[in-house]
N, C-alpha and C. Protein backbone atom coordinates (compact mmCIF):
# COMPACT_ATOMS: atom_id res chain seq x y z
N MET A 1 0.83 -1.18 0.00
CA MET A 1 0.00 0.00 0.00
C MET A 1 0.87 1.24 0.00
N SER A 2 0.40 2.27 -0.65
CA SER A 2 1.16 3.51 -0.71
C SER A 2 1.08 4.25 0.62
N ALA A 3 1.94 5.23 0.77
CA ALA A 3 2.00 6.02 2.01
C ALA A 3 2.20 7.48 1.66
N LEU A 4 1.80 8.34 2.57
CA LEU A 4 1.92 9.78 2.39
C LEU A 4 2.85 10.38 3.44
N TRP A 5 3.67 11.33 2.98
CA TRP A 5 4.36 12.23 3.90
C TRP A 5 3.46 13.45 3.99
N ILE A 6 3.15 13.88 5.18
CA ILE A 6 2.36 15.09 5.37
C ILE A 6 3.18 16.00 6.27
N ALA A 7 3.56 17.15 5.74
CA ALA A 7 4.40 18.09 6.48
C ALA A 7 3.71 19.43 6.59
N HIS A 8 3.82 20.02 7.77
CA HIS A 8 3.32 21.37 8.03
C HIS A 8 4.53 22.17 8.50
N VAL A 9 4.81 23.27 7.80
CA VAL A 9 6.08 23.96 8.01
C VAL A 9 5.88 25.47 8.16
N HIS A 10 6.61 26.03 9.12
CA HIS A 10 6.76 27.48 9.24
C HIS A 10 8.23 27.79 8.95
N VAL A 11 8.49 28.46 7.86
CA VAL A 11 9.86 28.77 7.44
C VAL A 11 10.34 30.01 8.17
N THR A 12 11.52 29.90 8.79
CA THR A 12 12.11 31.04 9.50
C THR A 12 13.35 31.59 8.80
N ASP A 13 13.92 30.83 7.87
CA ASP A 13 15.08 31.27 7.08
C ASP A 13 14.87 30.76 5.65
N ALA A 14 14.35 31.65 4.80
CA ALA A 14 13.96 31.25 3.44
C ALA A 14 15.15 30.75 2.62
N ASP A 15 16.32 31.34 2.77
CA ASP A 15 17.48 30.91 1.98
C ASP A 15 17.90 29.49 2.34
N ALA A 16 18.03 29.22 3.63
CA ALA A 16 18.43 27.88 4.06
C ALA A 16 17.35 26.87 3.71
N TYR A 17 16.09 27.24 3.87
CA TYR A 17 15.02 26.30 3.56
C TYR A 17 14.96 26.04 2.06
N GLY A 18 15.31 27.02 1.27
CA GLY A 18 15.40 26.82 -0.18
C GLY A 18 16.45 25.79 -0.54
N ARG A 19 17.57 25.80 0.17
CA ARG A 19 18.61 24.79 -0.05
C ARG A 19 18.08 23.39 0.32
N TYR A 20 17.32 23.33 1.40
CA TYR A 20 16.70 22.05 1.78
C TYR A 20 15.78 21.55 0.66
N ALA A 21 14.88 22.41 0.20
CA ALA A 21 13.90 22.00 -0.82
C ALA A 21 14.59 21.55 -2.10
N LYS A 22 15.64 22.24 -2.49
CA LYS A 22 16.37 21.88 -3.71
C LYS A 22 17.00 20.50 -3.59
N ALA A 23 17.54 20.17 -2.42
CA ALA A 23 18.19 18.87 -2.23
C ALA A 23 17.19 17.77 -1.89
N ALA A 24 16.10 18.11 -1.23
CA ALA A 24 15.13 17.09 -0.81
C ALA A 24 14.36 16.52 -1.99
N GLY A 25 14.05 17.33 -2.97
CA GLY A 25 13.27 16.86 -4.13
C GLY A 25 13.88 15.64 -4.81
N PRO A 26 15.16 15.68 -5.18
CA PRO A 26 15.77 14.51 -5.80
C PRO A 26 15.82 13.29 -4.88
N ALA A 27 16.02 13.49 -3.59
CA ALA A 27 16.04 12.37 -2.64
C ALA A 27 14.67 11.71 -2.57
N ILE A 28 13.63 12.52 -2.56
CA ILE A 28 12.26 12.01 -2.51
C ILE A 28 11.95 11.26 -3.80
N ALA A 29 12.30 11.83 -4.94
CA ALA A 29 12.05 11.17 -6.23
C ALA A 29 12.80 9.84 -6.34
N ALA A 30 14.01 9.79 -5.80
CA ALA A 30 14.82 8.58 -5.87
C ALA A 30 14.18 7.41 -5.11
N HIS A 31 13.29 7.72 -4.20
CA HIS A 31 12.59 6.69 -3.43
C HIS A 31 11.16 6.49 -3.92
N GLY A 32 10.87 6.99 -5.12
CA GLY A 32 9.56 6.80 -5.71
C GLY A 32 8.52 7.79 -5.24
N GLY A 33 8.93 8.83 -4.53
CA GLY A 33 7.99 9.83 -4.03
C GLY A 33 7.59 10.82 -5.10
N GLU A 34 6.34 11.26 -5.03
CA GLU A 34 5.85 12.30 -5.92
C GLU A 34 5.03 13.29 -5.11
N PHE A 35 5.19 14.56 -5.41
CA PHE A 35 4.48 15.59 -4.67
C PHE A 35 3.03 15.70 -5.14
N LEU A 36 2.11 15.71 -4.18
CA LEU A 36 0.70 15.94 -4.46
C LEU A 36 0.31 17.37 -4.13
N ALA A 37 0.97 17.93 -3.13
CA ALA A 37 0.75 19.33 -2.74
C ALA A 37 2.08 19.86 -2.22
N ARG A 38 2.38 21.07 -2.62
CA ARG A 38 3.65 21.69 -2.21
C ARG A 38 3.40 23.18 -2.10
N GLY A 39 3.02 23.61 -0.90
CA GLY A 39 2.61 24.99 -0.73
C GLY A 39 1.20 25.13 -1.27
N GLY A 40 0.91 26.21 -1.89
CA GLY A 40 -0.42 26.39 -2.49
C GLY A 40 -1.46 26.86 -1.48
N ARG A 41 -2.63 27.00 -1.99
CA ARG A 41 -3.74 27.54 -1.22
C ARG A 41 -4.19 26.54 -0.14
N TYR A 42 -4.51 27.07 1.03
CA TYR A 42 -4.98 26.23 2.13
C TYR A 42 -5.85 27.07 3.05
N ARG A 43 -6.57 26.39 3.92
CA ARG A 43 -7.36 27.04 4.96
C ARG A 43 -7.18 26.21 6.23
N GLN A 44 -6.62 26.82 7.25
CA GLN A 44 -6.39 26.15 8.52
C GLN A 44 -7.72 26.01 9.25
N MET A 45 -8.12 24.79 9.51
CA MET A 45 -9.40 24.54 10.18
C MET A 45 -9.23 24.24 11.68
N GLU A 46 -8.15 23.59 12.05
CA GLU A 46 -7.87 23.29 13.46
C GLU A 46 -6.36 23.23 13.64
N GLY A 47 -5.92 23.36 14.88
CA GLY A 47 -4.51 23.18 15.20
C GLY A 47 -3.65 24.38 14.84
N ASN A 48 -2.35 24.13 14.79
CA ASN A 48 -1.37 25.18 14.54
C ASN A 48 -1.32 25.54 13.07
N ASP A 49 -1.37 26.84 12.80
CA ASP A 49 -1.29 27.33 11.42
C ASP A 49 0.16 27.42 10.99
N ARG A 50 0.49 26.71 9.94
CA ARG A 50 1.81 26.79 9.32
C ARG A 50 1.59 26.96 7.84
N ALA A 51 2.17 27.99 7.28
CA ALA A 51 1.83 28.43 5.93
C ALA A 51 2.29 27.49 4.82
N ARG A 52 3.22 26.62 5.09
CA ARG A 52 3.69 25.69 4.04
C ARG A 52 3.22 24.29 4.39
N ASN A 53 2.44 23.71 3.50
CA ASN A 53 1.90 22.37 3.68
C ASN A 53 2.31 21.53 2.49
N VAL A 54 2.90 20.36 2.76
CA VAL A 54 3.43 19.52 1.71
C VAL A 54 2.91 18.09 1.89
N VAL A 55 2.46 17.50 0.79
CA VAL A 55 2.04 16.10 0.79
C VAL A 55 2.77 15.40 -0.35
N ALA A 56 3.42 14.29 -0.03
CA ALA A 56 4.09 13.48 -1.05
C ALA A 56 3.62 12.04 -0.90
N ARG A 57 3.42 11.37 -2.03
CA ARG A 57 3.01 9.96 -2.02
C ARG A 57 4.20 9.09 -2.38
N PHE A 58 4.36 8.00 -1.65
CA PHE A 58 5.40 7.01 -1.90
C PHE A 58 4.74 5.68 -2.23
N PRO A 59 5.43 4.80 -2.94
CA PRO A 59 4.83 3.52 -3.33
C PRO A 59 4.51 2.60 -2.15
N SER A 60 5.17 2.82 -1.01
CA SER A 60 4.91 1.99 0.17
C SER A 60 5.33 2.76 1.42
N PHE A 61 4.84 2.29 2.55
CA PHE A 61 5.24 2.86 3.84
C PHE A 61 6.75 2.71 4.02
N GLU A 62 7.25 1.54 3.66
CA GLU A 62 8.69 1.26 3.80
C GLU A 62 9.54 2.20 2.95
N ALA A 63 9.08 2.50 1.74
CA ALA A 63 9.81 3.43 0.87
C ALA A 63 9.84 4.83 1.47
N ALA A 64 8.73 5.24 2.08
CA ALA A 64 8.66 6.57 2.69
C ALA A 64 9.62 6.67 3.87
N VAL A 65 9.65 5.64 4.71
CA VAL A 65 10.56 5.63 5.86
C VAL A 65 12.02 5.57 5.37
N ALA A 66 12.29 4.72 4.37
CA ALA A 66 13.64 4.60 3.83
C ALA A 66 14.13 5.93 3.27
N CYS A 67 13.24 6.67 2.63
CA CYS A 67 13.61 7.98 2.10
C CYS A 67 14.02 8.91 3.23
N TYR A 68 13.18 8.97 4.26
CA TYR A 68 13.48 9.87 5.39
C TYR A 68 14.82 9.51 6.03
N GLU A 69 15.09 8.23 6.15
CA GLU A 69 16.30 7.78 6.82
C GLU A 69 17.53 7.77 5.91
N SER A 70 17.35 8.02 4.62
CA SER A 70 18.47 7.95 3.67
C SER A 70 19.49 9.07 3.92
N ALA A 71 20.72 8.79 3.56
CA ALA A 71 21.79 9.78 3.70
C ALA A 71 21.50 11.03 2.88
N GLU A 72 20.93 10.85 1.69
CA GLU A 72 20.63 12.00 0.82
C GLU A 72 19.59 12.91 1.46
N TYR A 73 18.53 12.32 2.00
CA TYR A 73 17.49 13.16 2.61
C TYR A 73 18.01 13.79 3.89
N GLN A 74 18.75 13.05 4.69
CA GLN A 74 19.28 13.61 5.94
C GLN A 74 20.23 14.78 5.66
N ALA A 75 20.99 14.69 4.57
CA ALA A 75 21.86 15.82 4.18
C ALA A 75 21.02 17.04 3.83
N ALA A 76 19.93 16.81 3.12
CA ALA A 76 19.03 17.92 2.78
C ALA A 76 18.39 18.49 4.03
N LEU A 77 17.95 17.60 4.91
CA LEU A 77 17.26 18.01 6.13
C LEU A 77 18.12 18.90 7.03
N ALA A 78 19.42 18.73 6.95
CA ALA A 78 20.33 19.57 7.75
C ALA A 78 20.11 21.05 7.46
N HIS A 79 19.71 21.39 6.22
CA HIS A 79 19.44 22.79 5.85
C HIS A 79 18.15 23.30 6.48
N ALA A 80 17.18 22.41 6.70
CA ALA A 80 15.89 22.82 7.25
C ALA A 80 15.96 23.02 8.77
N LYS A 81 16.85 22.30 9.42
CA LYS A 81 16.97 22.43 10.88
C LYS A 81 17.50 23.82 11.20
N GLY A 82 16.79 24.51 12.07
CA GLY A 82 17.16 25.89 12.40
C GLY A 82 16.60 26.90 11.42
N ALA A 83 16.05 26.42 10.30
CA ALA A 83 15.48 27.31 9.29
C ALA A 83 13.96 27.16 9.21
N SER A 84 13.41 26.29 10.07
CA SER A 84 11.97 26.05 10.02
C SER A 84 11.50 25.38 11.30
N GLU A 85 10.21 25.49 11.51
CA GLU A 85 9.51 24.70 12.52
C GLU A 85 8.65 23.74 11.72
N ARG A 86 8.81 22.43 11.93
CA ARG A 86 8.17 21.43 11.07
C ARG A 86 7.53 20.32 11.88
N ASP A 87 6.44 19.84 11.33
CA ASP A 87 5.85 18.58 11.77
C ASP A 87 5.77 17.73 10.52
N LEU A 88 6.19 16.48 10.62
CA LEU A 88 6.12 15.57 9.48
C LEU A 88 5.65 14.21 9.99
N VAL A 89 4.65 13.66 9.32
CA VAL A 89 4.14 12.35 9.68
C VAL A 89 4.08 11.50 8.41
N ILE A 90 4.35 10.22 8.55
CA ILE A 90 4.19 9.26 7.44
C ILE A 90 2.95 8.43 7.76
N VAL A 91 2.01 8.40 6.81
CA VAL A 91 0.74 7.72 7.01
C VAL A 91 0.50 6.74 5.86
N GLU A 92 0.23 5.49 6.21
CA GLU A 92 -0.11 4.52 5.17
C GLU A 92 -1.52 4.82 4.67
N GLU A 93 -1.67 4.82 3.35
CA GLU A 93 -2.98 5.10 2.76
C GLU A 93 -3.94 3.94 2.97
N THR A 94 -5.21 4.26 3.07
CA THR A 94 -6.26 3.27 3.18
C THR A 94 -6.67 2.89 1.77
N PRO A 95 -6.74 1.61 1.48
CA PRO A 95 -7.14 1.22 0.12
C PRO A 95 -8.60 1.62 -0.14
N VAL A 96 -8.86 1.96 -1.37
CA VAL A 96 -10.22 2.32 -1.77
C VAL A 96 -10.99 1.03 -2.01
N ALA A 97 -12.14 0.94 -1.36
CA ALA A 97 -12.97 -0.27 -1.52
C ALA A 97 -13.65 -0.25 -2.89
N PRO A 98 -13.68 -1.38 -3.57
CA PRO A 98 -14.38 -1.42 -4.86
C PRO A 98 -15.85 -1.16 -4.68
N GLN A 99 -16.44 -0.51 -5.66
CA GLN A 99 -17.87 -0.18 -5.58
C GLN A 99 -18.69 -1.08 -6.43
């Protein structure tokens, strides 16, 4: 089953976070990840408001975890630390029941 990365981000250093985003994209793609939402329009309904919301789909839960733990992604993530406040969760998708 596929899995989603769901991230809510408040950027505090746009230059450093830009370096993260530039390096993270190829690491995510290398693990079969594809972006479904990356910024864009949103409306905060509950919880903490963070202006950057990102959703990426991976072919499996294991691929999503492997991406996060990979050396390439961790190198990218070093740019985001101290440049953002982030929450990131990996969620396995629920299969759609046939109708």
